[in-house]
PDB file of all heavy atoms in Angstrom:
ATOM      1  N   ASP A   1     -68.511   0.927  -6.903  1.00  0.00           N
ATOM      2  CA  ASP A   1     -67.960   2.123  -6.280  1.00  0.00           C
ATOM      3  C   ASP A   1     -68.449   3.376  -6.999  1.00  0.00           C
ATOM      4  O   ASP A   1     -68.875   4.340  -6.367  1.00  0.00           O
ATOM      5  CB  ASP A   1     -66.433   2.060  -6.265  1.00  0.00           C
ATOM      6  CG  ASP A   1     -65.826   3.164  -5.436  1.00  0.00           C
ATOM      7  OD1 ASP A   1     -66.343   3.455  -4.335  1.00  0.00           O
ATOM      8  OD2 ASP A   1     -64.818   3.761  -5.889  1.00  0.00           O
ATOM      9  N   GLY A   2     -68.415   3.351  -8.327  1.00  0.00           N
ATOM     10  CA  GLY A   2     -68.899   4.498  -9.100  1.00  0.00           C
ATOM     11  C   GLY A   2     -70.379   4.739  -8.886  1.00  0.00           C
ATOM     12  O   GLY A   2     -70.827   5.867  -8.701  1.00  0.00           O
ATOM     13  N   ARG A   3     -71.150   3.659  -8.895  1.00  0.00           N
ATOM     14  CA  ARG A   3     -72.592   3.775  -8.657  1.00  0.00           C
ATOM     15  C   ARG A   3     -72.877   4.400  -7.293  1.00  0.00           C
ATOM     16  O   ARG A   3     -73.694   5.314  -7.165  1.00  0.00           O
ATOM     17  CB  ARG A   3     -73.233   2.382  -8.738  1.00  0.00           C
ATOM     18  CG  ARG A   3     -74.736   2.385  -8.467  1.00  0.00           C
ATOM     19  CD  ARG A   3     -75.259   1.022  -8.125  1.00  0.00           C
ATOM     20  NE  ARG A   3     -74.612   0.551  -6.892  1.00  0.00           N
ATOM     21  CZ  ARG A   3     -74.502  -0.710  -6.546  1.00  0.00           C
ATOM     22  NH1 ARG A   3     -74.973  -1.664  -7.323  1.00  0.00           N
ATOM     23  NH2 ARG A   3     -73.910  -1.053  -5.416  1.00  0.00           N
ATOM     24  N   ASP A   4     -72.187   3.908  -6.272  1.00  0.00           N
ATOM     25  CA  ASP A   4     -72.407   4.427  -4.914  1.00  0.00           C
ATOM     26  C   ASP A   4     -72.022   5.900  -4.820  1.00  0.00           C
ATOM     27  O   ASP A   4     -72.702   6.684  -4.157  1.00  0.00           O
ATOM     28  CB  ASP A   4     -71.634   3.599  -3.896  1.00  0.00           C
ATOM     29  CG  ASP A   4     -72.161   2.176  -3.781  1.00  0.00           C
ATOM     30  OD1 ASP A   4     -73.256   1.873  -4.295  1.00  0.00           O
ATOM     31  OD2 ASP A   4     -71.445   1.340  -3.180  1.00  0.00           O
ATOM     32  N   ARG A   5     -70.942   6.278  -5.489  1.00  0.00           N
ATOM     33  CA  ARG A   5     -70.515   7.680  -5.482  1.00  0.00           C
ATOM     34  C   ARG A   5     -71.556   8.569  -6.172  1.00  0.00           C
ATOM     35  O   ARG A   5     -71.873   9.649  -5.685  1.00  0.00           O
ATOM     36  CB  ARG A   5     -69.175   7.838  -6.197  1.00  0.00           C
ATOM     37  CG  ARG A   5     -67.998   7.263  -5.467  1.00  0.00           C
ATOM     38  CD  ARG A   5     -66.759   7.427  -6.303  1.00  0.00           C
ATOM     39  NE  ARG A   5     -65.602   6.797  -5.702  1.00  0.00           N
ATOM     40  CZ  ARG A   5     -64.358   7.103  -6.035  1.00  0.00           C
ATOM     41  NH1 ARG A   5     -64.114   7.999  -6.973  1.00  0.00           N
ATOM     42  NH2 ARG A   5     -63.351   6.500  -5.448  1.00  0.00           N
ATOM     43  N   LEU A   6     -72.057   8.096  -7.308  1.00  0.00           N
ATOM     44  CA  LEU A   6     -73.058   8.889  -8.036  1.00  0.00           C
ATOM     45  C   LEU A   6     -74.334   9.017  -7.228  1.00  0.00           C
ATOM     46  O   LEU A   6     -74.910  10.107  -7.123  1.00  0.00           O
ATOM     47  CB  LEU A   6     -73.331   8.258  -9.399  1.00  0.00           C
ATOM     48  CG  LEU A   6     -74.322   9.001 -10.294  1.00  0.00           C
ATOM     49  CD1 LEU A   6     -73.880  10.441 -10.547  1.00  0.00           C
ATOM     50  CD2 LEU A   6     -74.494   8.255 -11.611  1.00  0.00           C
ATOM     51  N   GLU A   7     -74.776   7.933  -6.635  1.00  0.00           N
ATOM     52  CA  GLU A   7     -76.002   7.978  -5.823  1.00  0.00           C
ATOM     53  C   GLU A   7     -75.822   8.890  -4.609  1.00  0.00           C
ATOM     54  O   GLU A   7     -76.765   9.574  -4.207  1.00  0.00           O
ATOM     55  CB  GLU A   7     -76.430   6.576  -5.414  1.00  0.00           C
ATOM     56  CG  GLU A   7     -76.991   5.758  -6.562  1.00  0.00           C
ATOM     57  CD  GLU A   7     -78.200   6.388  -7.240  1.00  0.00           C
ATOM     58  OE1 GLU A   7     -79.059   6.989  -6.559  1.00  0.00           O
ATOM     59  OE2 GLU A   7     -78.292   6.278  -8.478  1.00  0.00           O
ATOM     60  N   LYS A   8     -74.641   8.922  -4.044  1.00  0.00           N
ATOM     61  CA  LYS A   8     -74.370   9.826  -2.908  1.00  0.00           C
ATOM     62  C   LYS A   8     -74.525  11.282  -3.350  1.00  0.00           C
ATOM     63  O   LYS A   8     -75.143  12.088  -2.640  1.00  0.00           O
ATOM     64  CB  LYS A   8     -72.956   9.576  -2.374  1.00  0.00           C
ATOM     65  CG  LYS A   8     -72.567  10.483  -1.235  1.00  0.00           C
ATOM     66  CD  LYS A   8     -71.141  10.221  -0.791  1.00  0.00           C
ATOM     67  CE  LYS A   8     -70.745  11.244   0.266  1.00  0.00           C
ATOM     68  NZ  LYS A   8     -69.322  11.191   0.575  1.00  0.00           N
ATOM     69  N   GLU A   9     -73.982  11.612  -4.509  1.00  0.00           N
ATOM     70  CA  GLU A   9     -74.119  12.983  -5.021  1.00  0.00           C
ATOM     71  C   GLU A   9     -75.579  13.318  -5.316  1.00  0.00           C
ATOM     72  O   GLU A   9     -76.037  14.409  -5.022  1.00  0.00           O
ATOM     73  CB  GLU A   9     -73.263  13.196  -6.276  1.00  0.00           C
ATOM     74  CG  GLU A   9     -71.781  13.179  -6.036  1.00  0.00           C
ATOM     75  CD  GLU A   9     -71.298  14.216  -5.028  1.00  0.00           C
ATOM     76  OE1 GLU A   9     -71.845  15.344  -4.976  1.00  0.00           O
ATOM     77  OE2 GLU A   9     -70.363  13.896  -4.280  1.00  0.00           O
ATOM     78  N   LEU A  10     -76.296  12.360  -5.882  1.00  0.00           N
ATOM     79  CA  LEU A  10     -77.703  12.594  -6.201  1.00  0.00           C
ATOM     80  C   LEU A  10     -78.564  12.707  -4.943  1.00  0.00           C
ATOM     81  O   LEU A  10     -79.537  13.454  -4.928  1.00  0.00           O
ATOM     82  CB  LEU A  10     -78.231  11.493  -7.108  1.00  0.00           C
ATOM     83  CG  LEU A  10     -77.912  11.746  -8.577  1.00  0.00           C
ATOM     84  CD1 LEU A  10     -77.884  10.464  -9.359  1.00  0.00           C
ATOM     85  CD2 LEU A  10     -78.898  12.731  -9.159  1.00  0.00           C
ATOM     86  N   LYS A  11     -78.202  11.986  -3.917  1.00  0.00           N
ATOM     87  CA  LYS A  11     -78.950  12.087  -2.658  1.00  0.00           C
ATOM     88  C   LYS A  11     -78.829  13.497  -2.080  1.00  0.00           C
ATOM     89  O   LYS A  11     -79.786  14.049  -1.552  1.00  0.00           O
ATOM     90  CB  LYS A  11     -78.444  11.044  -1.656  1.00  0.00           C
ATOM     91  CG  LYS A  11     -79.279  10.950  -0.415  1.00  0.00           C
ATOM     92  CD  LYS A  11     -78.855   9.799   0.470  1.00  0.00           C
ATOM     93  CE  LYS A  11     -79.800   9.703   1.650  1.00  0.00           C
ATOM     94  NZ  LYS A  11     -79.464   8.583   2.512  1.00  0.00           N
ATOM     95  N   SER A  12     -77.640  14.080  -2.210  1.00  0.00           N
ATOM     96  CA  SER A  12     -77.412  15.438  -1.705  1.00  0.00           C
ATOM     97  C   SER A  12     -77.913  16.515  -2.667  1.00  0.00           C
ATOM     98  O   SER A  12     -78.131  17.649  -2.255  1.00  0.00           O
ATOM     99  CB  SER A  12     -75.914  15.669  -1.470  1.00  0.00           C
ATOM    100  OG  SER A  12     -75.421  14.758  -0.532  1.00  0.00           O
ATOM    101  N   ASN A  13     -78.059  16.164  -3.946  1.00  0.00           N
ATOM    102  CA  ASN A  13     -78.429  17.140  -4.978  1.00  0.00           C
ATOM    103  C   ASN A  13     -79.467  16.527  -5.926  1.00  0.00           C
ATOM    104  O   ASN A  13     -79.201  16.373  -7.116  1.00  0.00           O
ATOM    105  CB  ASN A  13     -77.185  17.541  -5.788  1.00  0.00           C
ATOM    106  CG  ASN A  13     -76.085  18.083  -4.924  1.00  0.00           C
ATOM    107  OD1 ASN A  13     -76.113  19.232  -4.533  1.00  0.00           O
ATOM    108  ND2 ASN A  13     -75.106  17.237  -4.614  1.00  0.00           N
ATOM    109  N   PRO A  14     -80.651  16.186  -5.417  1.00  0.00           N
ATOM    110  CA  PRO A  14     -81.623  15.470  -6.248  1.00  0.00           C
ATOM    111  C   PRO A  14     -82.171  16.285  -7.417  1.00  0.00           C
ATOM    112  O   PRO A  14     -82.704  15.713  -8.359  1.00  0.00           O
ATOM    113  CB  PRO A  14     -82.737  15.113  -5.263  1.00  0.00           C
ATOM    114  CG  PRO A  14     -82.619  16.131  -4.177  1.00  0.00           C
ATOM    115  CD  PRO A  14     -81.154  16.452  -4.073  1.00  0.00           C
ATOM    116  N   ASN A  15     -82.041  17.591  -7.366  1.00  0.00           N
ATOM    117  CA  ASN A  15     -82.563  18.437  -8.435  1.00  0.00           C
ATOM    118  C   ASN A  15     -81.486  18.964  -9.364  1.00  0.00           C
ATOM    119  O   ASN A  15     -81.709  19.929 -10.094  1.00  0.00           O
ATOM    120  CB  ASN A  15     -83.362  19.606  -7.837  1.00  0.00           C
ATOM    121  CG  ASN A  15     -84.566  19.105  -7.071  1.00  0.00           C
ATOM    122  OD1 ASN A  15     -85.247  18.186  -7.496  1.00  0.00           O
ATOM    123  ND2 ASN A  15     -84.812  19.684  -5.915  1.00  0.00           N
ATOM    124  N   ASN A  16     -80.346  18.315  -9.368  1.00  0.00           N
ATOM    125  CA  ASN A  16     -79.260  18.740 -10.249  1.00  0.00           C
ATOM    126  C   ASN A  16     -79.456  18.081 -11.614  1.00  0.00           C
ATOM    127  O   ASN A  16     -79.377  16.861 -11.743  1.00  0.00           O
ATOM    128  CB  ASN A  16     -77.912  18.355  -9.644  1.00  0.00           C
ATOM    129  CG  ASN A  16     -76.752  18.882 -10.438  1.00  0.00           C
ATOM    130  OD1 ASN A  16     -76.593  18.568 -11.614  1.00  0.00           O
ATOM    131  ND2 ASN A  16     -75.937  19.704  -9.799  1.00  0.00           N
ATOM    132  N   VAL A  17     -79.725  18.892 -12.607  1.00  0.00           N
ATOM    133  CA  VAL A  17     -80.021  18.407 -13.958  1.00  0.00           C
ATOM    134  C   VAL A  17     -78.880  17.556 -14.510  1.00  0.00           C
ATOM    135  O   VAL A  17     -79.097  16.486 -15.073  1.00  0.00           O
ATOM    136  CB  VAL A  17     -80.329  19.590 -14.898  1.00  0.00           C
ATOM    137  CG1 VAL A  17     -80.393  19.147 -16.351  1.00  0.00           C
ATOM    138  CG2 VAL A  17     -81.625  20.278 -14.495  1.00  0.00           C
ATOM    139  N   GLU A  18     -77.660  18.028 -14.348  1.00  0.00           N
ATOM    140  CA  GLU A  18     -76.527  17.319 -14.942  1.00  0.00           C
ATOM    141  C   GLU A  18     -76.269  15.976 -14.257  1.00  0.00           C
ATOM    142  O   GLU A  18     -75.932  14.993 -14.922  1.00  0.00           O
ATOM    143  CB  GLU A  18     -75.277  18.189 -14.922  1.00  0.00           C
ATOM    144  CG  GLU A  18     -74.249  17.769 -15.916  1.00  0.00           C
ATOM    145  CD  GLU A  18     -73.244  18.852 -16.256  1.00  0.00           C
ATOM    146  OE1 GLU A  18     -73.336  19.982 -15.735  1.00  0.00           O
ATOM    147  OE2 GLU A  18     -72.342  18.548 -17.053  1.00  0.00           O
ATOM    148  N   LEU A  19     -76.445  15.917 -12.948  1.00  0.00           N
ATOM    149  CA  LEU A  19     -76.290  14.633 -12.255  1.00  0.00           C
ATOM    150  C   LEU A  19     -77.363  13.644 -12.707  1.00  0.00           C
ATOM    151  O   LEU A  19     -77.079  12.453 -12.904  1.00  0.00           O
ATOM    152  CB  LEU A  19     -76.355  14.820 -10.741  1.00  0.00           C
ATOM    153  CG  LEU A  19     -75.157  15.500 -10.087  1.00  0.00           C
ATOM    154  CD1 LEU A  19     -75.417  15.727  -8.600  1.00  0.00           C
ATOM    155  CD2 LEU A  19     -73.883  14.691 -10.289  1.00  0.00           C
ATOM    156  N   ARG A  20     -78.583  14.131 -12.900  1.00  0.00           N
ATOM    157  CA  ARG A  20     -79.658  13.257 -13.380  1.00  0.00           C
ATOM    158  C   ARG A  20     -79.352  12.774 -14.793  1.00  0.00           C
ATOM    159  O   ARG A  20     -79.622  11.631 -15.144  1.00  0.00           O
ATOM    160  CB  ARG A  20     -81.003  13.981 -13.337  1.00  0.00           C
ATOM    161  CG  ARG A  20     -81.459  14.458 -11.958  1.00  0.00           C
ATOM    162  CD  ARG A  20     -81.979  13.369 -11.060  1.00  0.00           C
ATOM    163  NE  ARG A  20     -83.252  12.843 -11.408  1.00  0.00           N
ATOM    164  CZ  ARG A  20     -84.403  13.200 -10.859  1.00  0.00           C
ATOM    165  NH1 ARG A  20     -84.452  14.115  -9.913  1.00  0.00           N
ATOM    166  NH2 ARG A  20     -85.516  12.632 -11.241  1.00  0.00           N
ATOM    167  N   PHE A  21     -78.762  13.632 -15.614  1.00  0.00           N
ATOM    168  CA  PHE A  21     -78.346  13.253 -16.967  1.00  0.00           C
ATOM    169  C   PHE A  21     -77.285  12.151 -16.920  1.00  0.00           C
ATOM    170  O   PHE A  21     -77.362  11.168 -17.660  1.00  0.00           O
ATOM    171  CB  PHE A  21     -77.817  14.479 -17.719  1.00  0.00           C
ATOM    172  CG  PHE A  21     -76.931  14.129 -18.877  1.00  0.00           C
ATOM    173  CD1 PHE A  21     -77.457  13.576 -20.033  1.00  0.00           C
ATOM    174  CD2 PHE A  21     -75.570  14.347 -18.813  1.00  0.00           C
ATOM    175  CE1 PHE A  21     -76.636  13.243 -21.104  1.00  0.00           C
ATOM    176  CE2 PHE A  21     -74.738  14.018 -19.877  1.00  0.00           C
ATOM    177  CZ  PHE A  21     -75.279  13.464 -21.027  1.00  0.00           C
ATOM    178  N   ILE A  22     -76.301  12.323 -16.049  1.00  0.00           N
ATOM    179  CA  ILE A  22     -75.232  11.321 -15.939  1.00  0.00           C
ATOM    180  C   ILE A  22     -75.826   9.970 -15.557  1.00  0.00           C
ATOM    181  O   ILE A  22     -75.525   8.946 -16.181  1.00  0.00           O
ATOM    182  CB  ILE A  22     -74.168  11.762 -14.904  1.00  0.00           C
ATOM    183  CG1 ILE A  22     -73.404  12.999 -15.414  1.00  0.00           C
ATOM    184  CG2 ILE A  22     -73.200  10.622 -14.594  1.00  0.00           C
ATOM    185  CD1 ILE A  22     -72.546  13.681 -14.352  1.00  0.00           C
ATOM    186  N   ARG A  23     -76.696   9.964 -14.553  1.00  0.00           N
ATOM    187  CA  ARG A  23     -77.290   8.698 -14.115  1.00  0.00           C
ATOM    188  C   ARG A  23     -78.141   8.084 -15.220  1.00  0.00           C
ATOM    189  O   ARG A  23     -78.054   6.885 -15.487  1.00  0.00           O
ATOM    190  CB  ARG A  23     -78.116   8.887 -12.849  1.00  0.00           C
ATOM    191  CG  ARG A  23     -78.721   7.570 -12.365  1.00  0.00           C
ATOM    192  CD  ARG A  23     -79.364   7.671 -11.027  1.00  0.00           C
ATOM    193  NE  ARG A  23     -80.527   8.538 -11.051  1.00  0.00           N
ATOM    194  CZ  ARG A  23     -81.203   8.898  -9.961  1.00  0.00           C
ATOM    195  NH1 ARG A  23     -80.818   8.466  -8.767  1.00  0.00           N
ATOM    196  NH2 ARG A  23     -82.251   9.693 -10.049  1.00  0.00           N
ATOM    197  N   LEU A  24     -78.957   8.895 -15.889  1.00  0.00           N
ATOM    198  CA  LEU A  24     -79.794   8.382 -16.971  1.00  0.00           C
ATOM    199  C   LEU A  24     -78.934   7.771 -18.072  1.00  0.00           C
ATOM    200  O   LEU A  24     -79.222   6.672 -18.559  1.00  0.00           O
ATOM    201  CB  LEU A  24     -80.671   9.490 -17.554  1.00  0.00           C
ATOM    202  CG  LEU A  24     -81.463   9.126 -18.812  1.00  0.00           C
ATOM    203  CD1 LEU A  24     -82.448   7.991 -18.527  1.00  0.00           C
ATOM    204  CD2 LEU A  24     -82.187  10.351 -19.353  1.00  0.00           C
ATOM    205  N   SER A  25     -77.881   8.451 -18.456  1.00  0.00           N
ATOM    206  CA  SER A  25     -77.013   7.964 -19.525  1.00  0.00           C
ATOM    207  C   SER A  25     -76.411   6.608 -19.173  1.00  0.00           C
ATOM    208  O   SER A  25     -76.324   5.720 -20.025  1.00  0.00           O
ATOM    209  CB  SER A  25     -75.888   8.960 -19.792  1.00  0.00           C
ATOM    210  OG  SER A  25     -76.424  10.198 -20.185  1.00  0.00           O
ATOM    211  N   ILE A  26     -76.022   6.455 -17.951  1.00  0.00           N
ATOM    212  CA  ILE A  26     -75.423   5.190 -17.520  1.00  0.00           C
ATOM    213  C   ILE A  26     -76.485   4.104 -17.412  1.00  0.00           C
ATOM    214  O   ILE A  26     -76.330   3.012 -17.964  1.00  0.00           O
ATOM    215  CB  ILE A  26     -74.664   5.382 -16.193  1.00  0.00           C
ATOM    216  CG1 ILE A  26     -73.416   6.232 -16.460  1.00  0.00           C
ATOM    217  CG2 ILE A  26     -74.309   4.036 -15.565  1.00  0.00           C
ATOM    218  CD1 ILE A  26     -72.732   6.729 -15.235  1.00  0.00           C
ATOM    219  N   GLN A  27     -77.575   4.400 -16.728  1.00  0.00           N
ATOM    220  CA  GLN A  27     -78.602   3.377 -16.538  1.00  0.00           C
ATOM    221  C   GLN A  27     -79.208   2.916 -17.860  1.00  0.00           C
ATOM    222  O   GLN A  27     -79.539   1.744 -18.021  1.00  0.00           O
ATOM    223  CB  GLN A  27     -79.708   3.893 -15.609  1.00  0.00           C
ATOM    224  CG  GLN A  27     -79.272   3.971 -14.177  1.00  0.00           C
ATOM    225  CD  GLN A  27     -80.421   4.217 -13.219  1.00  0.00           C
ATOM    226  OE1 GLN A  27     -81.561   4.429 -13.609  1.00  0.00           O
ATOM    227  NE2 GLN A  27     -80.100   4.182 -11.931  1.00  0.00           N
ATOM    228  N   TYR A  28     -79.341   3.810 -18.790  1.00  0.00           N
ATOM    229  CA  TYR A  28     -79.949   3.478 -20.077  1.00  0.00           C
ATOM    230  C   TYR A  28     -79.082   2.516 -20.888  1.00  0.00           C
ATOM    231  O   TYR A  28     -79.600   1.704 -21.648  1.00  0.00           O
ATOM    232  CB  TYR A  28     -80.214   4.766 -20.867  1.00  0.00           C
ATOM    233  CG  TYR A  28     -81.066   4.564 -22.079  1.00  0.00           C
ATOM    234  CD1 TYR A  28     -82.446   4.440 -21.970  1.00  0.00           C
ATOM    235  CD2 TYR A  28     -80.499   4.496 -23.351  1.00  0.00           C
ATOM    236  CE1 TYR A  28     -83.241   4.256 -23.096  1.00  0.00           C
ATOM    237  CE2 TYR A  28     -81.289   4.312 -24.474  1.00  0.00           C
ATOM    238  CZ  TYR A  28     -82.656   4.200 -24.343  1.00  0.00           C
ATOM    239  OH  TYR A  28     -83.442   4.011 -25.455  1.00  0.00           O
ATOM    240  N   HIS A  29     -77.756   2.618 -20.737  1.00  0.00           N
ATOM    241  CA  HIS A  29     -76.856   1.868 -21.603  1.00  0.00           C
ATOM    242  C   HIS A  29     -76.190   0.636 -20.971  1.00  0.00           C
ATOM    243  O   HIS A  29     -75.582  -0.147 -21.686  1.00  0.00           O
ATOM    244  CB  HIS A  29     -75.767   2.799 -22.150  1.00  0.00           C
ATOM    245  CG  HIS A  29     -76.312   3.774 -23.136  1.00  0.00           C
ATOM    246  ND1 HIS A  29     -76.614   5.072 -22.801  1.00  0.00           N
ATOM    247  CD2 HIS A  29     -76.633   3.637 -24.434  1.00  0.00           C
ATOM    248  CE1 HIS A  29     -77.087   5.693 -23.864  1.00  0.00           C
ATOM    249  NE2 HIS A  29     -77.109   4.841 -24.871  1.00  0.00           N
ATOM    250  N   ILE A  30     -76.288   0.474 -19.676  1.00  0.00           N
ATOM    251  CA  ILE A  30     -75.602  -0.674 -19.071  1.00  0.00           C
ATOM    252  C   ILE A  30     -76.461  -1.931 -19.177  1.00  0.00           C
ATOM    253  O   ILE A  30     -77.676  -1.851 -19.327  1.00  0.00           O
ATOM    254  CB  ILE A  30     -75.212  -0.403 -17.596  1.00  0.00           C
ATOM    255  CG1 ILE A  30     -76.453  -0.163 -16.733  1.00  0.00           C
ATOM    256  CG2 ILE A  30     -74.223   0.734 -17.497  1.00  0.00           C
ATOM    257  CD1 ILE A  30     -76.163  -0.129 -15.256  1.00  0.00           C
ATOM    258  N   PRO A  31     -75.825  -3.093 -19.068  1.00  0.00           N
ATOM    259  CA  PRO A  31     -76.591  -4.351 -19.134  1.00  0.00           C
ATOM    260  C   PRO A  31     -77.613  -4.456 -18.001  1.00  0.00           C
ATOM    261  O   PRO A  31     -77.373  -4.016 -16.874  1.00  0.00           O
ATOM    262  CB  PRO A  31     -75.516  -5.434 -18.979  1.00  0.00           C
ATOM    263  CG  PRO A  31     -74.226  -4.777 -19.328  1.00  0.00           C
ATOM    264  CD  PRO A  31     -74.376  -3.337 -18.962  1.00  0.00           C
ATOM    265  N   LYS A  32     -78.747  -5.037 -18.326  1.00  0.00           N
ATOM    266  CA  LYS A  32     -79.847  -5.173 -17.361  1.00  0.00           C
ATOM    267  C   LYS A  32     -79.453  -5.986 -16.128  1.00  0.00           C
ATOM    268  O   LYS A  32     -79.928  -5.727 -15.037  1.00  0.00           O
ATOM    269  CB  LYS A  32     -81.063  -5.823 -18.024  1.00  0.00           C
ATOM    270  CG  LYS A  32     -81.628  -5.042 -19.181  1.00  0.00           C
ATOM    271  CD  LYS A  32     -82.553  -3.971 -18.698  1.00  0.00           C
ATOM    272  CE  LYS A  32     -83.260  -3.338 -19.893  1.00  0.00           C
ATOM    273  NZ  LYS A  32     -83.260  -1.906 -19.844  1.00  0.00           N
ATOM    274  N   TYR A  33     -78.577  -6.969 -16.310  1.00  0.00           N
ATOM    275  CA  TYR A  33     -78.246  -7.845 -15.185  1.00  0.00           C
ATOM    276  C   TYR A  33     -77.530  -7.114 -14.049  1.00  0.00           C
ATOM    277  O   TYR A  33     -77.442  -7.630 -12.944  1.00  0.00           O
ATOM    278  CB  TYR A  33     -77.425  -9.055 -15.630  1.00  0.00           C
ATOM    279  CG  TYR A  33     -76.037  -8.746 -16.157  1.00  0.00           C
ATOM    280  CD1 TYR A  33     -74.969  -8.552 -15.295  1.00  0.00           C
ATOM    281  CD2 TYR A  33     -75.809  -8.678 -17.526  1.00  0.00           C
ATOM    282  CE1 TYR A  33     -73.703  -8.279 -15.787  1.00  0.00           C
ATOM    283  CE2 TYR A  33     -74.547  -8.411 -18.015  1.00  0.00           C
ATOM    284  CZ  TYR A  33     -73.499  -8.210 -17.143  1.00  0.00           C
ATOM    285  OH  TYR A  33     -72.248  -7.929 -17.625  1.00  0.00           O
ATOM    286  N   LEU A  34     -77.046  -5.899 -14.302  1.00  0.00           N
ATOM    287  CA  LEU A  34     -76.398  -5.140 -13.229  1.00  0.00           C
ATOM    288  C   LEU A  34     -77.408  -4.553 -12.241  1.00  0.00           C
ATOM    289  O   LEU A  34     -77.046  -4.127 -11.157  1.00  0.00           O
ATOM    290  CB  LEU A  34     -75.519  -4.035 -13.814  1.00  0.00           C
ATOM    291  CG  LEU A  34     -74.260  -4.534 -14.516  1.00  0.00           C
ATOM    292  CD1 LEU A  34     -73.553  -3.409 -15.245  1.00  0.00           C
ATOM    293  CD2 LEU A  34     -73.319  -5.198 -13.526  1.00  0.00           C
ATOM    294  N   GLY A  35     -78.672  -4.543 -12.638  1.00  0.00           N
ATOM    295  CA  GLY A  35     -79.729  -4.123 -11.725  1.00  0.00           C
ATOM    296  C   GLY A  35     -79.726  -2.643 -11.380  1.00  0.00           C
ATOM    297  O   GLY A  35     -80.239  -2.260 -10.333  1.00  0.00           O
ATOM    298  N   TYR A  36     -79.174  -1.839 -12.241  1.00  0.00           N
ATOM    299  CA  TYR A  36     -79.120  -0.392 -11.976  1.00  0.00           C
ATOM    300  C   TYR A  36     -79.922   0.341 -13.055  1.00  0.00           C
ATOM    301  O   TYR A  36     -79.386   1.039 -13.899  1.00  0.00           O
ATOM    302  CB  TYR A  36     -77.653   0.060 -11.971  1.00  0.00           C
ATOM    303  CG  TYR A  36     -77.415   1.487 -11.518  1.00  0.00           C
ATOM    304  CD1 TYR A  36     -77.954   1.966 -10.334  1.00  0.00           C
ATOM    305  CD2 TYR A  36     -76.627   2.346 -12.272  1.00  0.00           C
ATOM    306  CE1 TYR A  36     -77.721   3.272  -9.921  1.00  0.00           C
ATOM    307  CE2 TYR A  36     -76.372   3.643 -11.859  1.00  0.00           C
ATOM    308  CZ  TYR A  36     -76.927   4.104 -10.687  1.00  0.00           C
ATOM    309  OH  TYR A  36     -76.692   5.393 -10.272  1.00  0.00           O
ATOM    310  N   HIS A  37     -81.237   0.124 -13.010  1.00  0.00           N
ATOM    311  CA  HIS A  37     -82.114   0.715 -14.022  1.00  0.00           C
ATOM    312  C   HIS A  37     -83.358   1.361 -13.411  1.00  0.00           C
ATOM    313  O   HIS A  37     -84.272   1.730 -14.139  1.00  0.00           O
ATOM    314  CB  HIS A  37     -82.569  -0.365 -15.020  1.00  0.00           C
ATOM    315  CG  HIS A  37     -81.457  -0.873 -15.860  1.00  0.00           C
ATOM    316  ND1 HIS A  37     -80.666  -1.932 -15.468  1.00  0.00           N
ATOM    317  CD2 HIS A  37     -80.991  -0.457 -17.055  1.00  0.00           C
ATOM    318  CE1 HIS A  37     -79.768  -2.144 -16.396  1.00  0.00           C
ATOM    319  NE2 HIS A  37     -79.925  -1.279 -17.361  1.00  0.00           N
ATOM    320  N   ASN A  38     -83.404   1.490 -12.112  1.00  0.00           N
ATOM    321  CA  ASN A  38     -84.629   1.897 -11.441  1.00  0.00           C
ATOM    322  C   ASN A  38     -84.977   3.380 -11.544  1.00  0.00           C
ATOM    323  O   ASN A  38     -86.050   3.781 -11.111  1.00  0.00           O
ATOM    324  CB  ASN A  38     -84.603   1.462  -9.964  1.00  0.00           C
ATOM    325  CG  ASN A  38     -83.320   1.860  -9.269  1.00  0.00           C
ATOM    326  OD1 ASN A  38     -82.290   2.046  -9.903  1.00  0.00           O
ATOM    327  ND2 ASN A  38     -83.376   1.989  -7.962  1.00  0.00           N
ATOM    328  N   HIS A  39     -84.121   4.203 -12.146  1.00  0.00           N
ATOM    329  CA  HIS A  39     -84.421   5.638 -12.230  1.00  0.00           C
ATOM    330  C   HIS A  39     -84.538   6.137 -13.666  1.00  0.00           C
ATOM    331  O   HIS A  39     -84.613   7.345 -13.887  1.00  0.00           O
ATOM    332  CB  HIS A  39     -83.334   6.449 -11.511  1.00  0.00           C
ATOM    333  CG  HIS A  39     -83.244   6.170 -10.052  1.00  0.00           C
ATOM    334  ND1 HIS A  39     -84.179   6.611  -9.141  1.00  0.00           N
ATOM    335  CD2 HIS A  39     -82.338   5.454  -9.333  1.00  0.00           C
ATOM    336  CE1 HIS A  39     -83.851   6.202  -7.935  1.00  0.00           C
ATOM    337  NE2 HIS A  39     -82.737   5.492  -8.024  1.00  0.00           N
ATOM    338  N   ILE A  40     -84.569   5.250 -14.630  1.00  0.00           N
ATOM    339  CA  ILE A  40     -84.583   5.679 -16.027  1.00  0.00           C
ATOM    340  C   ILE A  40     -85.782   6.575 -16.312  1.00  0.00           C
ATOM    341  O   ILE A  40     -85.627   7.684 -16.825  1.00  0.00           O
ATOM    342  CB  ILE A  40     -84.547   4.473 -16.996  1.00  0.00           C
ATOM    343  CG1 ILE A  40     -83.181   3.787 -16.915  1.00  0.00           C
ATOM    344  CG2 ILE A  40     -84.840   4.916 -18.434  1.00  0.00           C
ATOM    345  CD1 ILE A  40     -83.074   2.510 -17.726  1.00  0.00           C
ATOM    346  N   GLU A  41     -86.963   6.115 -16.018  1.00  0.00           N
ATOM    347  CA  GLU A  41     -88.166   6.896 -16.349  1.00  0.00           C
ATOM    348  C   GLU A  41     -88.244   8.199 -15.565  1.00  0.00           C
ATOM    349  O   GLU A  41     -88.580   9.239 -16.119  1.00  0.00           O
ATOM    350  CB  GLU A  41     -89.433   6.056 -16.148  1.00  0.00           C
ATOM    351  CG  GLU A  41     -89.572   4.939 -17.165  1.00  0.00           C
ATOM    352  CD  GLU A  41     -89.489   5.403 -18.618  1.00  0.00           C
ATOM    353  OE1 GLU A  41     -90.096   6.434 -18.974  1.00  0.00           O
ATOM    354  OE2 GLU A  41     -88.793   4.719 -19.407  1.00  0.00           O
ATOM    355  N   SER A  42     -87.922   8.152 -14.275  1.00  0.00           N
ATOM    356  CA  SER A  42     -87.991   9.388 -13.483  1.00  0.00           C
ATOM    357  C   SER A  42     -86.935  10.394 -13.939  1.00  0.00           C
ATOM    358  O   SER A  42     -87.199  11.598 -13.988  1.00  0.00           O
ATOM    359  CB  SER A  42     -87.855   9.095 -11.988  1.00  0.00           C
ATOM    360  OG  SER A  42     -86.599   8.525 -11.691  1.00  0.00           O
TER     361      SER A  42
END
C-alpha cells in the first residue's frame, strides 16, 4: 500500500526532488526479495 501510494505521487510529480529522495532511501535499504529496487540508480 505504501509503495503504491509513493509511486502514485511520483507518477504525478516525477521531478520532485524530495519524493525521489524518499523512494531512493526506501529502495536502497529494503530487502532485495521485495523486488522494489528498480529506481535506485535513476
